[in-house]
C-alpha atoms as a PDB file:
ATOM      1  CA  UNK A   1       0.000   0.000   0.000  1.00  0.00           C
ATOM      2  CA  UNK A   2       1.053   3.587  -0.556  1.00  0.00           C
ATOM      3  CA  UNK A   3       1.632   6.148   2.149  1.00  0.00           C
ATOM      4  CA  UNK A   4      -1.085   8.796   2.038  1.00  0.00           C
ATOM      5  CA  UNK A   5       0.319  12.321   2.196  1.00  0.00           C
ATOM      6  CA  UNK A   6      -2.817  14.439   2.097  1.00  0.00           C
ATOM      7  CA  UNK A   7      -3.507  18.138   2.429  1.00  0.00           C
ATOM      8  CA  UNK A   8      -7.121  19.239   2.849  1.00  0.00           C
ATOM      9  CA  UNK A   9      -9.010  22.377   1.980  1.00  0.00           C
ATOM     10  CA  UNK A  10     -12.585  22.898   3.165  1.00  0.00           C
ATOM     11  CA  UNK A  11     -15.007  25.514   1.900  1.00  0.00           C
ATOM     12  CA  UNK A  12     -17.649  26.491   4.457  1.00  0.00           C
ATOM     13  CA  UNK A  13     -20.939  28.144   3.640  1.00  0.00           C
ATOM     14  CA  UNK A  14     -23.452  29.866   5.918  1.00  0.00           C
ATOM     15  CA  UNK A  15     -27.120  29.782   4.970  1.00  0.00           C
ATOM     16  CA  UNK A  16     -28.623  33.229   4.434  1.00  0.00           C
ATOM     17  CA  UNK A  17     -30.464  34.289   7.562  1.00  0.00           C
ATOM     18  CA  UNK A  18     -29.636  31.043   9.330  1.00  0.00           C
ATOM     19  CA  UNK A  19     -26.856  30.065  11.645  1.00  0.00           C
ATOM     20  CA  UNK A  20     -26.261  26.689  10.019  1.00  0.00           C
ATOM     21  CA  UNK A  21     -22.735  26.319   8.724  1.00  0.00           C
ATOM     22  CA  UNK A  22     -21.903  23.386   6.482  1.00  0.00           C
ATOM     23  CA  UNK A  23     -19.085  22.148   4.298  1.00  0.00           C
ATOM     24  CA  UNK A  24     -19.805  23.013   0.693  1.00  0.00           C
ATOM     25  CA  UNK A  25     -16.653  21.783  -1.034  1.00  0.00           C
ATOM     26  CA  UNK A  26     -13.768  19.559   0.010  1.00  0.00           C
ATOM     27  CA  UNK A  27     -10.435  19.320  -1.769  1.00  0.00           C
ATOM     28  CA  UNK A  28      -7.668  16.866  -0.879  1.00  0.00           C
ATOM     29  CA  UNK A  29      -4.311  16.564  -2.630  1.00  0.00           C
ATOM     30  CA  UNK A  30      -2.537  13.236  -2.359  1.00  0.00           C
ATOM     31  CA  UNK A  31       1.170  13.094  -3.099  1.00  0.00           C
ATOM     32  CA  UNK A  32       3.572  10.294  -3.791  1.00  0.00           C
ATOM     33  CA  UNK A  33       7.271  10.141  -4.360  1.00  0.00           C
ATOM     34  CA  UNK A  34       8.621   9.169  -7.723  1.00  0.00           C
ATOM     35  CA  UNK A  35      12.093   8.176  -8.820  1.00  0.00           C
ATOM     36  CA  UNK A  36      13.267  11.765  -8.418  1.00  0.00           C
ATOM     37  CA  UNK A  37      11.860  14.966  -6.891  1.00  0.00           C
ATOM     38  CA  UNK A  38      11.153  16.393 -10.321  1.00  0.00           C
ATOM     39  CA  UNK A  39       8.572  13.669 -10.918  1.00  0.00           C
ATOM     40  CA  UNK A  40       6.690  14.034  -7.589  1.00  0.00           C
ATOM     41  CA  UNK A  41       3.093  13.053  -8.366  1.00  0.00           C
ATOM     42  CA  UNK A  42      -0.047  14.786  -7.108  1.00  0.00           C
ATOM     43  CA  UNK A  43      -3.610  13.517  -7.354  1.00  0.00           C
ATOM     44  CA  UNK A  44      -6.328  16.017  -6.454  1.00  0.00           C
ATOM     45  CA  UNK A  45      -9.770  14.760  -5.427  1.00  0.00           C
ATOM     46  CA  UNK A  46     -12.435  17.357  -4.709  1.00  0.00           C
ATOM     47  CA  UNK A  47     -16.154  17.888  -4.478  1.00  0.00           C
ATOM     48  CA  UNK A  48     -18.134  20.571  -6.214  1.00  0.00           C
ATOM     49  CA  UNK A  49     -21.697  21.532  -5.471  1.00  0.00           C
ATOM     50  CA  UNK A  50     -23.546  22.922  -8.491  1.00  0.00           C
ATOM     51  CA  UNK A  51     -26.654  23.781  -6.453  1.00  0.00           C
ATOM     52  CA  UNK A  52     -28.389  20.524  -7.346  1.00  0.00           C
ATOM     53  CA  UNK A  53     -25.895  17.807  -6.479  1.00  0.00           C
ATOM     54  CA  UNK A  54     -22.411  17.311  -5.074  1.00  0.00           C
ATOM     55  CA  UNK A  55     -19.994  15.899  -7.649  1.00  0.00           C
ATOM     56  CA  UNK A  56     -16.565  14.332  -7.185  1.00  0.00           C
ATOM     57  CA  UNK A  57     -13.744  15.581  -9.404  1.00  0.00           C
ATOM     58  CA  UNK A  58     -10.395  13.846  -9.891  1.00  0.00           C
ATOM     59  CA  UNK A  59      -7.461  15.591 -11.534  1.00  0.00           C
ATOM     60  CA  UNK A  60      -3.790  14.839 -12.023  1.00  0.00           C
ATOM     61  CA  UNK A  61      -1.027  15.344 -14.518  1.00  0.00           C
ATOM     62  CA  UNK A  62       0.233  11.840 -13.813  1.00  0.00           C
ATOM     63  CA  UNK A  63      -0.471   9.263 -11.098  1.00  0.00           C
ATOM     64  CA  UNK A  64       1.090   5.810 -11.294  1.00  0.00           C
ATOM     65  CA  UNK A  65      -0.028   2.775  -9.332  1.00  0.00           C
ATOM     66  CA  UNK A  66       1.098  -0.822  -9.401  1.00  0.00           C
ATOM     67  CA  UNK A  67      -1.809  -2.125  -7.320  1.00  0.00           C
ATOM     68  CA  UNK A  68      -5.493  -1.192  -7.710  1.00  0.00           C
ATOM     69  CA  UNK A  69      -5.802  -1.288  -3.908  1.00  0.00           C
ATOM     70  CA  UNK A  70      -3.686   1.905  -3.777  1.00  0.00           C
ATOM     71  CA  UNK A  71      -6.396   3.801  -5.654  1.00  0.00           C
ATOM     72  CA  UNK A  72      -9.131   2.212  -3.538  1.00  0.00           C
ATOM     73  CA  UNK A  73      -7.268   3.339  -0.399  1.00  0.00           C
ATOM     74  CA  UNK A  74      -7.215   6.940  -1.652  1.00  0.00           C
ATOM     75  CA  UNK A  75     -10.912   6.916  -2.532  1.00  0.00           C
ATOM     76  CA  UNK A  76     -11.832   5.431   0.856  1.00  0.00           C
ATOM     77  CA  UNK A  77      -9.733   8.086   2.594  1.00  0.00           C
ATOM     78  CA  UNK A  78     -11.432  10.850   0.606  1.00  0.00           C
ATOM     79  CA  UNK A  79     -14.866   9.384   1.355  1.00  0.00           C
ATOM     80  CA  UNK A  80     -14.163   9.746   5.093  1.00  0.00           C
ATOM     81  CA  UNK A  81     -12.689  13.235   4.825  1.00  0.00           C
ATOM     82  CA  UNK A  82     -15.563  14.520   2.662  1.00  0.00           C
ATOM     83  CA  UNK A  83     -18.262  12.706   4.663  1.00  0.00           C
ATOM     84  CA  UNK A  84     -19.647  11.015   1.561  1.00  0.00           C
END
């Protein structure tokens, strides 16, 4: 399994006229070492609320895995962090 090196960013929103505060968007960047520092890999997983539904976005320039369980581990970690 890979070592998860995650940094989180939460976007909070307050309802108009209410005192309810909730998380609107969550963004987590996962990093992994490569052969050299120049090839450090980052995978960004985030949520985006378009007013109707909350979508999950995945972006990366390059992310290499040798075991599908590594990707499953990242998605399970994001699921917990984003309360999905």
